Protein backbone atom coordinates (compact mmCIF):
# COMPACT_ATOMS: atom_id res chain seq x y z
CA UNK A 1 -22.63 -33.30 -70.83
CA UNK A 2 -19.77 -31.62 -72.67
CA UNK A 3 -16.45 -33.33 -71.95
CA UNK A 4 -13.24 -32.35 -73.73
CA UNK A 5 -10.70 -35.17 -74.16
CA UNK A 6 -6.99 -34.78 -74.54
CA UNK A 7 -4.83 -36.39 -77.22
CA UNK A 8 -4.11 -40.07 -76.49
CA UNK A 9 -0.59 -40.72 -75.24
CA UNK A 10 1.80 -43.41 -76.38
CA UNK A 11 0.65 -46.91 -75.57
CA UNK A 12 -3.00 -45.93 -75.43
CA UNK A 13 -5.57 -47.19 -77.89
CA UNK A 14 -8.30 -45.08 -79.38
CA UNK A 15 -10.97 -47.12 -77.63
CA UNK A 16 -9.72 -46.41 -74.11
CA UNK A 17 -11.09 -43.58 -71.82
CA UNK A 18 -9.39 -40.20 -72.14
CA UNK A 19 -6.77 -39.27 -69.53
CA UNK A 20 -7.13 -35.80 -67.94
CA UNK A 21 -4.92 -33.88 -65.59
CA UNK A 22 -6.38 -32.63 -62.31
CA UNK A 23 -6.24 -29.07 -63.56
CA UNK A 24 -8.10 -30.03 -66.72
CA UNK A 25 -10.74 -31.87 -64.76
CA UNK A 26 -11.29 -28.95 -62.36
CA UNK A 27 -11.42 -26.48 -65.25
CA UNK A 28 -14.05 -28.54 -67.07
CA UNK A 29 -16.04 -28.99 -63.85
CA UNK A 30 -15.99 -25.23 -63.29
CA UNK A 31 -17.17 -24.63 -66.85
CA UNK A 32 -20.02 -27.11 -66.39
CA UNK A 33 -21.10 -25.47 -63.12
CA UNK A 34 -20.96 -21.96 -64.45
CA UNK A 35 -22.84 -22.84 -67.65
CA UNK A 36 -25.28 -25.24 -66.07
CA UNK A 37 -26.42 -23.08 -63.11
CA UNK A 38 -27.63 -19.51 -63.73
CA UNK A 39 -27.19 -16.60 -61.31
CA UNK A 40 -29.25 -17.19 -58.20
CA UNK A 41 -29.97 -15.98 -54.65
CA UNK A 42 -28.86 -17.90 -51.56
CA UNK A 43 -30.03 -17.33 -48.01
CA UNK A 44 -28.11 -18.57 -44.99
CA UNK A 45 -25.99 -17.75 -41.96
CA UNK A 46 -22.41 -16.48 -42.24
CA UNK A 47 -19.71 -18.42 -40.42
CA UNK A 48 -15.89 -18.56 -40.52
CA UNK A 49 -15.76 -15.04 -41.97
CA UNK A 50 -12.26 -13.76 -42.81
CA UNK A 51 -11.04 -10.71 -44.71
CA UNK A 52 -7.29 -10.67 -45.44
CA UNK A 53 -5.29 -7.59 -46.39
CA UNK A 54 -6.24 -8.05 -50.03
CA UNK A 55 -9.78 -6.86 -49.19
CA UNK A 56 -11.47 -10.02 -50.51
CA UNK A 57 -13.91 -11.76 -48.15
CA UNK A 58 -14.14 -15.51 -47.61
CA UNK A 59 -16.83 -17.22 -45.54
CA UNK A 60 -19.39 -20.00 -45.46
CA UNK A 61 -23.15 -19.78 -45.87
CA UNK A 62 -25.04 -22.47 -43.99
CA UNK A 63 -28.43 -23.62 -42.89
CA UNK A 64 -29.36 -26.37 -40.45
CA UNK A 65 -28.25 -29.20 -42.80
CA UNK A 66 -25.53 -27.96 -45.16
CA UNK A 67 -23.06 -25.23 -45.95
CA UNK A 68 -21.19 -23.83 -48.97
CA UNK A 69 -17.96 -21.87 -49.20
CA UNK A 70 -18.33 -18.32 -50.56
CA UNK A 71 -16.03 -15.66 -51.97
CA UNK A 72 -16.80 -11.93 -52.10
CA UNK A 73 -14.18 -9.99 -53.98
CA UNK A 74 -12.92 -6.57 -52.99
CA UNK A 75 -14.83 -4.57 -55.66
CA UNK A 76 -18.19 -6.01 -54.61
CA UNK A 77 -17.29 -5.88 -50.89
CA UNK A 78 -16.80 -2.12 -51.09
CA UNK A 79 -20.38 -1.73 -52.34
CA UNK A 80 -21.92 -3.34 -49.25
CA UNK A 81 -23.81 -1.04 -46.88
CA UNK A 82 -23.27 -3.28 -43.85
CA UNK A 83 -20.35 -5.16 -42.26
CA UNK A 84 -20.57 -8.96 -42.65
CA UNK A 85 -19.74 -10.99 -39.55
CA UNK A 86 -20.19 -14.47 -38.12
CA UNK A 87 -23.77 -15.25 -37.18
CA UNK A 88 -25.32 -12.73 -39.59
CA UNK A 89 -28.25 -14.05 -41.63
CA UNK A 90 -27.90 -12.77 -45.22
CA UNK A 91 -29.20 -13.11 -48.76
CA UNK A 92 -26.48 -13.34 -51.42
CA UNK A 93 -26.80 -13.12 -55.21
CA UNK A 94 -24.12 -14.77 -57.31
CA UNK A 95 -23.08 -17.78 -59.32
CA UNK A 96 -21.84 -21.26 -58.55
CA UNK A 97 -18.21 -21.95 -59.47
CA UNK A 98 -15.22 -24.08 -58.57
CA UNK A 99 -11.78 -22.96 -57.38
CA UNK A 100 -9.48 -24.86 -59.71
CA UNK A 101 -6.23 -24.97 -57.64
CA UNK A 102 -7.95 -26.70 -54.70
CA UNK A 103 -10.98 -28.14 -56.37
CA UNK A 104 -13.26 -26.31 -53.90
CA UNK A 105 -16.90 -25.99 -54.84
CA UNK A 106 -17.88 -22.39 -54.03
CA UNK A 107 -20.36 -19.59 -54.54
CA UNK A 108 -19.08 -16.30 -56.00
CA UNK A 109 -21.06 -13.52 -54.34
CA UNK A 110 -21.87 -10.42 -56.41
CA UNK A 111 -24.46 -8.80 -54.14
CA UNK A 112 -25.33 -9.35 -50.48
CA UNK A 113 -27.83 -7.90 -48.08
CA UNK A 114 -28.74 -8.70 -44.44
CA UNK A 115 -31.72 -11.01 -43.86
CA UNK A 116 -31.90 -10.84 -40.06
CA UNK A 117 -29.80 -12.46 -37.33
CA UNK A 118 -28.80 -16.11 -37.70
CA UNK A 119 -30.67 -18.80 -35.80
CA UNK A 120 -27.68 -19.62 -33.59
CA UNK A 121 -27.05 -15.97 -32.84
CA UNK A 122 -30.71 -15.48 -32.00
CA UNK A 123 -30.65 -18.43 -29.65
CA UNK A 124 -27.47 -17.09 -28.04
CA UNK A 125 -28.99 -13.65 -27.45
CA UNK A 126 -32.25 -15.11 -26.11
CA UNK A 127 -30.47 -17.36 -23.60
CA UNK A 128 -28.18 -14.52 -22.58
CA UNK A 129 -31.15 -12.24 -21.88
CA UNK A 130 -32.95 -14.97 -19.92
CA UNK A 131 -30.01 -15.81 -17.67
CA UNK A 132 -29.12 -12.18 -17.20
CA UNK A 133 -32.69 -11.44 -16.08
CA UNK A 134 -32.35 -14.23 -13.52
CA UNK A 135 -29.24 -12.53 -12.11
CA UNK A 136 -26.95 -15.42 -13.09
CA UNK A 137 -24.30 -13.01 -14.39
CA UNK A 138 -24.35 -10.61 -11.43
CA UNK A 139 -20.91 -9.45 -10.26
CA UNK A 140 -21.98 -10.09 -6.65
CA UNK A 141 -22.01 -13.84 -7.38
CA UNK A 142 -18.45 -13.87 -8.74
CA UNK A 143 -15.96 -15.65 -6.46
CA UNK A 144 -12.42 -14.33 -5.97
CA UNK A 145 -9.53 -16.35 -7.37
CA UNK A 146 -6.92 -17.79 -4.99
CA UNK A 147 -3.64 -15.89 -4.94
CA UNK A 148 -1.39 -18.97 -4.88
CA UNK A 149 -3.28 -22.09 -6.05
CA UNK A 150 -1.59 -25.39 -5.23
CA UNK A 151 -3.80 -27.54 -7.50
CA UNK A 152 -5.50 -26.36 -10.70
CA UNK A 153 -8.26 -28.27 -12.47
CA UNK A 154 -8.42 -27.92 -16.27
CA UNK A 155 -11.62 -28.92 -18.10
CA UNK A 156 -10.86 -29.21 -21.82
CA UNK A 157 -10.06 -31.66 -24.59
CA UNK A 158 -7.05 -33.81 -23.68
CA UNK A 159 -5.82 -33.73 -27.30
CA UNK A 160 -6.43 -30.11 -28.26
CA UNK A 161 -4.02 -27.23 -28.51
CA UNK A 162 -5.65 -25.52 -25.51
CA UNK A 163 -4.29 -28.00 -22.94
CA UNK A 164 -0.78 -27.70 -24.41
CA UNK A 165 -0.90 -23.91 -24.20
CA UNK A 166 -2.21 -24.02 -20.63
CA UNK A 167 0.42 -26.50 -19.43
CA UNK A 168 3.17 -24.48 -21.11
CA UNK A 169 2.07 -21.25 -19.40
CA UNK A 170 1.63 -22.89 -15.99
CA UNK A 171 5.06 -24.54 -16.20
CA UNK A 172 6.66 -21.24 -17.12
CA UNK A 173 4.87 -18.99 -14.63
CA UNK A 174 4.21 -21.19 -11.60
CA UNK A 175 5.79 -24.67 -11.81
CA UNK A 176 4.91 -25.41 -8.18
CA UNK A 177 1.21 -25.79 -9.04
CA UNK A 178 -0.16 -29.27 -9.82
CA UNK A 179 -2.63 -29.78 -12.68
CA UNK A 180 -5.62 -32.11 -12.72
CA UNK A 181 -7.06 -32.65 -16.22
CA UNK A 182 -10.78 -33.38 -16.72
CA UNK A 183 -10.85 -34.53 -20.37
CA UNK A 184 -14.05 -33.72 -22.25
CA UNK A 185 -15.21 -33.29 -25.85
CA UNK A 186 -15.38 -29.57 -26.56
CA UNK A 187 -17.92 -29.69 -29.40
CA UNK A 188 -20.72 -31.90 -30.54
CA UNK A 189 -23.93 -33.10 -28.98
CA UNK A 190 -22.22 -34.86 -26.07
CA UNK A 191 -20.07 -31.84 -25.14
CA UNK A 192 -22.56 -29.91 -22.90
CA UNK A 193 -23.36 -32.94 -20.74
CA UNK A 194 -19.65 -33.78 -20.46
CA UNK A 195 -18.84 -30.24 -19.35
CA UNK A 196 -21.59 -30.35 -16.70
CA UNK A 197 -20.36 -33.73 -15.40
CA UNK A 198 -16.76 -32.46 -15.22
CA UNK A 199 -17.82 -29.39 -13.24
CA UNK A 200 -19.88 -31.49 -10.84
CA UNK A 201 -17.07 -34.01 -10.39
CA UNK A 202 -14.47 -31.32 -9.71
CA UNK A 203 -16.79 -29.62 -7.21
CA UNK A 204 -17.54 -32.90 -5.43
CA UNK A 205 -13.87 -33.85 -5.13
CA UNK A 206 -12.90 -30.37 -3.93
CA UNK A 207 -9.18 -31.08 -4.28
CA UNK A 208 -8.55 -28.15 -6.65
CA UNK A 209 -8.26 -24.50 -5.69
CA UNK A 210 -9.49 -23.18 -9.05
CA UNK A 211 -10.83 -24.54 -12.36
CA UNK A 212 -10.09 -23.54 -15.96
CA UNK A 213 -12.76 -24.23 -18.61
CA UNK A 214 -11.07 -23.85 -22.00
CA UNK A 215 -11.01 -24.67 -25.69
CA UNK A 216 -9.41 -23.18 -28.81
CA UNK A 217 -11.04 -20.86 -31.31
CA UNK A 218 -13.71 -21.74 -33.83
CA UNK A 219 -16.94 -20.64 -35.40
CA UNK A 220 -20.13 -19.99 -33.49
CA UNK A 221 -21.34 -23.55 -34.05
CA UNK A 222 -17.95 -24.92 -32.97
CA UNK A 223 -18.27 -23.06 -29.66
CA UNK A 224 -21.98 -23.84 -29.24
CA UNK A 225 -21.43 -26.41 -26.47
CA UNK A 226 -20.38 -23.49 -24.23
CA UNK A 227 -23.65 -21.64 -24.93
CA UNK A 228 -25.74 -24.34 -23.24
CA UNK A 229 -28.06 -23.31 -20.39
CA UNK A 230 -27.12 -26.35 -18.26
CA UNK A 231 -23.43 -25.50 -18.62
CA UNK A 232 -24.10 -21.95 -17.39
CA UNK A 233 -26.07 -23.19 -14.37
CA UNK A 234 -23.42 -25.80 -13.56
CA UNK A 235 -20.78 -23.05 -13.59
CA UNK A 236 -22.71 -21.04 -11.02
CA UNK A 237 -23.48 -24.12 -8.90
CA UNK A 238 -19.83 -25.25 -8.82
CA UNK A 239 -18.32 -24.54 -5.36
CA UNK A 240 -14.92 -23.77 -6.90
CA UNK A 241 -14.02 -20.53 -8.71
CA UNK A 242 -13.95 -21.03 -12.49
CA UNK A 243 -11.99 -19.13 -15.13
CA UNK A 244 -13.21 -19.41 -18.73
CA UNK A 245 -10.73 -19.28 -21.62
CA UNK A 246 -12.82 -20.13 -24.67
CA UNK A 247 -11.96 -19.28 -28.26
CA UNK A 248 -10.16 -16.12 -29.26
CA UNK A 249 -10.30 -12.64 -27.81
CA UNK A 250 -13.33 -11.64 -29.91
CA UNK A 251 -15.32 -14.79 -29.02
CA UNK A 252 -17.91 -14.58 -26.24
CA UNK A 253 -20.01 -17.46 -24.95
CA UNK A 254 -22.63 -17.87 -22.26
CA UNK A 255 -20.00 -19.72 -20.20
CA UNK A 256 -17.83 -16.58 -20.25
CA UNK A 257 -20.61 -14.57 -18.61
CA UNK A 258 -21.43 -17.28 -16.04
CA UNK A 259 -17.82 -17.97 -15.03
CA UNK A 260 -16.20 -16.14 -12.13
CA UNK A 261 -13.59 -14.66 -14.46
CA UNK A 262 -13.32 -14.50 -18.24
CA UNK A 263 -9.98 -14.71 -20.06
CA UNK A 264 -9.73 -14.00 -23.82
CA UNK A 265 -7.78 -17.21 -24.60
CA UNK A 266 -6.77 -20.47 -22.88
CA UNK A 267 -3.22 -19.14 -22.43
CA UNK A 268 -4.56 -15.97 -20.85
CA UNK A 269 -6.69 -18.11 -18.50
CA UNK A 270 -3.56 -19.89 -17.30
CA UNK A 271 -1.87 -16.54 -16.72
CA UNK A 272 -4.85 -15.31 -14.72
CA UNK A 273 -5.00 -18.19 -12.23
CA UNK A 274 -1.30 -18.23 -11.23
CA UNK A 275 1.20 -15.52 -10.40
CA UNK A 276 4.47 -15.21 -12.30
CA UNK A 277 7.24 -17.14 -10.56
CA UNK A 278 9.89 -14.58 -11.46
CA UNK A 279 7.74 -11.81 -10.02
CA UNK A 280 7.27 -13.82 -6.83
CA UNK A 281 11.02 -14.44 -6.59
CA UNK A 282 11.67 -10.73 -7.08
CA UNK A 283 9.18 -9.91 -4.32
CA UNK A 284 10.71 -12.54 -2.04
CA UNK A 285 14.19 -11.14 -2.66
CA UNK A 286 12.91 -7.66 -1.90
CA UNK A 287 11.32 -8.93 1.34
CA UNK A 288 14.54 -10.77 2.21
CA UNK A 289 16.59 -7.62 1.66
CA UNK A 290 14.12 -5.65 3.78
CA UNK A 291 14.27 -8.25 6.57
CA UNK A 292 18.05 -8.23 6.51
CA UNK A 293 18.13 -4.47 6.80
CA UNK A 294 15.60 -4.55 9.64
CA UNK A 295 17.58 -7.27 11.44
CA UNK A 296 20.85 -5.37 11.07
CA UNK A 297 19.18 -2.21 12.31
CA UNK A 298 17.78 -4.04 15.34
CA UNK A 299 21.15 -5.66 16.09
CA UNK A 300 22.85 -2.27 15.85
CA UNK A 301 20.31 -0.74 18.21
CA UNK A 302 20.68 -3.68 20.62
CA UNK A 303 24.48 -3.24 20.62
CA UNK A 304 24.12 0.48 21.36
CA UNK A 305 21.71 -0.28 24.18
CA UNK A 306 24.10 -2.88 25.61
CA UNK A 307 26.93 -0.32 25.65
CA UNK A 308 24.69 2.20 27.36
CA UNK A 309 23.68 -0.34 30.00
CA UNK A 310 27.31 -1.18 30.63
CA UNK A 311 28.11 2.47 31.18
CA UNK A 312 25.15 2.82 33.51
CA UNK A 313 26.24 -0.27 35.40
CA UNK A 314 29.73 1.18 35.85
CA UNK A 315 28.22 4.38 37.22
CA UNK A 316 25.87 2.44 39.51
CA UNK A 317 28.49 0.13 41.11
CA UNK A 318 27.57 -0.65 44.80
CA UNK A 319 30.83 0.81 46.22
CA UNK A 320 30.40 4.00 44.24
CA UNK A 321 26.78 4.25 45.31
CA UNK A 322 27.81 3.82 49.01
CA UNK A 323 30.37 6.58 48.66
CA UNK A 324 27.83 8.86 47.07
CA UNK A 325 25.29 8.10 49.82
CA UNK A 326 27.91 8.83 52.54
CA UNK A 327 28.70 12.17 50.94
CA UNK A 328 25.00 12.96 50.70
CA UNK A 329 24.51 12.11 54.41
CA UNK A 330 27.32 14.52 55.38
CA UNK A 331 25.83 17.24 53.18
CA UNK A 332 22.36 16.70 54.66
CA UNK A 333 23.79 16.89 58.19
CA UNK A 334 25.40 20.22 57.43
CA UNK A 335 22.21 21.52 55.90
CA UNK A 336 20.28 20.36 58.98
CA UNK A 337 22.64 22.21 61.36
CA UNK A 338 22.41 25.40 59.34
CA UNK A 339 18.63 25.16 59.15
CA UNK A 340 18.32 24.57 62.92
CA UNK A 341 20.50 27.60 63.74
CA UNK A 342 18.54 29.79 61.35
CA UNK A 343 15.24 28.65 62.85
CA UNK A 344 16.45 29.53 66.36
CA UNK A 345 17.50 33.03 65.26
CA UNK A 346 14.15 33.58 63.56
CA UNK A 347 12.26 32.42 66.65
CA UNK A 348 14.21 34.82 68.88
CA UNK A 349 13.47 37.77 66.58
CA UNK A 350 9.83 36.87 66.48
CA UNK A 351 9.66 36.64 70.26
CA UNK A 352 11.06 40.16 70.55
CA UNK A 353 8.50 41.51 68.07
CA UNK A 354 5.63 39.85 69.89
CA UNK A 355 6.79 41.20 73.25
CA UNK A 356 6.79 44.78 71.89
CA UNK A 357 3.37 44.31 70.36
CA UNK A 358 2.07 42.90 73.67
CA UNK A 359 3.32 45.87 75.63
CA UNK A 360 1.72 48.24 73.16
CA UNK A 361 -1.59 46.35 73.33
CA UNK A 362 -2.23 46.55 77.18
CA UNK A 363 -5.88 47.44 78.25
CA UNK A 364 -5.00 50.78 79.91
CA UNK A 365 -3.15 52.04 76.88
CA UNK A 366 -5.92 51.00 74.55
CA UNK A 367 -8.59 52.63 76.84
CA UNK A 368 -6.80 55.97 76.84
CA UNK A 369 -6.53 55.92 73.09
CA UNK A 370 -10.22 55.13 72.77
CA UNK A 371 -11.25 58.01 75.08
CA UNK A 372 -9.16 60.48 73.11
CA UNK A 373 -10.73 59.33 69.86
CA UNK A 374 -14.24 59.64 71.39
CA UNK A 375 -13.67 63.22 72.52
CA UNK A 376 -12.37 64.28 69.14
CA UNK A 377 -15.29 62.60 67.39
CA UNK A 378 -17.83 64.36 69.70
CA UNK A 379 -16.36 67.78 68.91
CA UNK A 380 -16.42 67.12 65.18
CA UNK A 381 -20.02 65.87 65.38
CA UNK A 382 -21.23 69.00 67.25
CA UNK A 383 -19.57 71.36 64.77
CA UNK A 384 -20.95 69.45 61.80
CA UNK A 385 -24.51 69.51 63.26
CA UNK A 386 -24.46 73.24 63.77
CA UNK A 387 -23.15 73.83 60.28
CA UNK A 388 -25.82 71.66 58.68
CA UNK A 389 -28.65 73.37 60.66
CA UNK A 390 -27.41 76.79 59.56
CA UNK A 391 -27.23 75.75 55.90
CA UNK A 392 -30.74 74.23 56.06
CA UNK A 393 -32.21 77.48 57.44
CA UNK A 394 -30.64 79.45 54.62
CA UNK A 395 -32.04 77.11 51.97
CA UNK A 396 -35.51 77.23 53.59
CA UNK A 397 -35.65 81.06 53.51
CA UNK A 398 -34.53 81.12 49.87
CA UNK A 399 -37.14 78.52 48.86
CA UNK A 400 -39.91 80.37 50.75
CA UNK A 401 -39.17 83.58 48.83
CA UNK A 402 -39.23 81.75 45.50
CA UNK A 403 -42.50 80.00 46.35
CA UNK A 404 -44.10 83.24 47.41
CA UNK A 405 -43.20 84.78 44.04
CA UNK A 406 -44.96 82.11 42.00
CA UNK A 407 -47.83 81.21 44.35
CA UNK A 408 -51.37 81.72 42.97
CA UNK A 409 -52.33 83.07 46.37
CA UNK A 410 -50.09 86.06 45.70
CA UNK A 411 -51.97 86.61 42.45
CA UNK A 412 -55.26 86.48 44.32
CA UNK A 413 -53.91 89.01 46.83
CA UNK A 414 -53.58 91.49 43.98
CA UNK A 415 -57.33 91.23 43.12
CA UNK A 416 -57.28 88.55 40.44
CA UNK A 417 -59.62 85.50 40.32
CA UNK A 418 -59.30 81.93 38.95
CA UNK A 419 -62.20 80.50 36.92
CA UNK A 420 -62.65 76.70 36.69
CA UNK A 421 -65.14 74.48 34.94
CA UNK A 422 -67.18 71.90 36.77
CA UNK A 423 -64.51 69.37 35.80
CA UNK A 424 -61.79 71.48 37.44
CA UNK A 425 -60.14 72.82 34.25
CA UNK A 426 -58.76 76.38 34.61
CA UNK A 427 -60.07 78.80 31.97
CA UNK A 428 -57.49 81.07 30.32
CA UNK A 429 -59.52 82.14 27.31
CA UNK A 430 -63.17 83.23 27.02
CA UNK A 431 -63.53 81.04 23.99
CA UNK A 432 -63.10 77.99 26.22
CA UNK A 433 -66.54 78.59 27.87
CA UNK A 434 -70.04 78.36 26.50
CA UNK A 435 -73.26 80.15 27.52
CA UNK A 436 -75.05 78.51 30.45
CA UNK A 437 -71.96 76.63 31.58
CA UNK A 438 -71.53 76.53 35.38
CA UNK A 439 -68.19 77.86 36.68
CA UNK A 440 -66.36 78.03 39.99
CA UNK A 441 -64.41 81.29 40.68
CA UNK A 442 -61.70 81.34 43.39
CA UNK A 443 -61.03 84.74 45.10
CA UNK A 444 -58.49 85.78 47.75
CA UNK A 445 -61.09 84.91 50.35
CA UNK A 446 -63.82 82.46 49.38
CA UNK A 447 -65.23 80.96 46.18
CA UNK A 448 -68.10 81.94 43.84
CA UNK A 449 -70.41 79.64 41.86
CA UNK A 450 -71.51 81.35 38.63
CA UNK A 451 -73.14 80.65 35.28
CA UNK A 452 -71.89 82.02 31.93
CA UNK A 453 -74.48 84.40 30.49
CA UNK A 454 -72.40 85.76 27.67
CA UNK A 455 -69.01 85.44 25.99
CA UNK A 456 -66.97 88.36 24.72
CA UNK A 457 -63.95 87.08 22.77
CA UNK A 458 -60.80 89.18 22.76
CA UNK A 459 -60.07 91.03 19.50
CA UNK A 460 -56.89 89.57 17.96
CA UNK A 461 -55.61 92.96 16.85
CA UNK A 462 -56.18 94.41 20.30
CA UNK A 463 -54.54 91.39 21.92
CA UNK A 464 -51.50 91.71 19.71
C-alpha cells in the first residue's frame, strides 16, 4: 500500500503516525482505487436516476444484496443509444473511483448498454398483467367519491411528509372535514401487511366516507410495498372508496391501478377528496343571491295580486251587486215585453198567410186545375204520337230503298250467281277453287250443286 505522509507539525515526534487532512485522505483513497482496480463491466438495475441541467447523469446500480453510486458524464451520455431510467437492467463499463468532496465511493461509467428489464420492474409488469386479466382494474368496479365527506381516513406514515401535506391541504380547502389517521410503515417487509390491516380496519369501522392511501416519492424499491398483490386485493375488497396518492406524478404502482381514483401526489389526493371551501362559499353566496331575488320577485307578485284582489272586491261589493242585479232585472223585463209583442205580431201575420193558402188549396179548386192540366197533356200526347209515326214511316221508306240497292237478291235479279265452297266461303276469284272441288251456286230462283272441272284464271293484263 502506497501512503503519502505529510510533514510533522510542531509538537509531534518523528515516531508518531502521520496526520492527514480529510481531503488528503480522500485523494489518496481515490488514487488507490483507481490504480488498484482496472476498468471493468458491472451489471445491475438502475435506481434513483437523475439528470440535472448540466447533462451529467447520476444513479445507482444494484442487485439483490448491494448497490453502488454511479456517475455518467455528459460526453458519454450523449453517445448512448437508449434512455436510462429507473428499473432498467444495464451493463456498464467504467472504473471505480471516489468523489473527494463527499468521500463517496462511486463507479465512473464510460459505456452503458441495456441488459433487459430489472427484476423489480419485471415483477411489477407481471403482477400488473395478472391482475388486469382478472378484471381487478376495470373502470366498472371503481366507486364514486363522496361530494362532501365529513370524515376522511388517511393511511400513511404518521411521521412522513405526506401526512403533513395532506393535513395542510385539507385544512385549507375543507376545514369542516375530520381526519382519522391509520399510521403504517410505508416501506419494508412489514409494510404490505400493515397496509392490508389498515384497509380492513377502516372498512370494518365504516366511520369514514373516503380513504386516502399515500406516501412520498422514492425509488421503485422504496415504493415496492404498494406493488403487493394482497394490497391490491384489499383495495378492491374495501367497502369504502379509496384514493391513492403515492410518490410523484411519474410514479405508478399496482395500488394506483386498484384504487378507485389515482392522484399524482399526496397533496393532489387531498385536493381530490374534498371541495374547495372558497368555491363552496362562492356557490352558496350565488345561491343566496338567487334565492333573495326569487323571494323579492314572489313578494312583488304577491303584492300586485293583493292589489288586484282589493280592486275586484271593491267592484264586487254586495250593495253594488244588488244594484246591478236590479238594473238587469228591469232590462230583462223590457226585453221580455218587446219580445212578447213581436211574437204576437208575427203570429198574426202567419195566421193571415195560412188562411190565404188554405183558401187556395180547397178540393174543388185543385180538381179544376187538375182537369185542365189533363186535357192539355192529352192534346200534346196525341200530336206527339202522330208526329213520331210520320217520322218513322219516312225513315222506313228511306232504309228500304238503301237496302234494296245493296241486297244480293237484286244482283241475282240481274242474272248473276253466287258460288260458295262446301264450307260456305264465297268465291270471288277462280284461283280460289281447285279441280274436283264441290261448289254450291245460288241463282235468283233455286240453288245448283256443281263440281269444278277446270279453272281458267283471269289474265292480269286483261283484268287491268
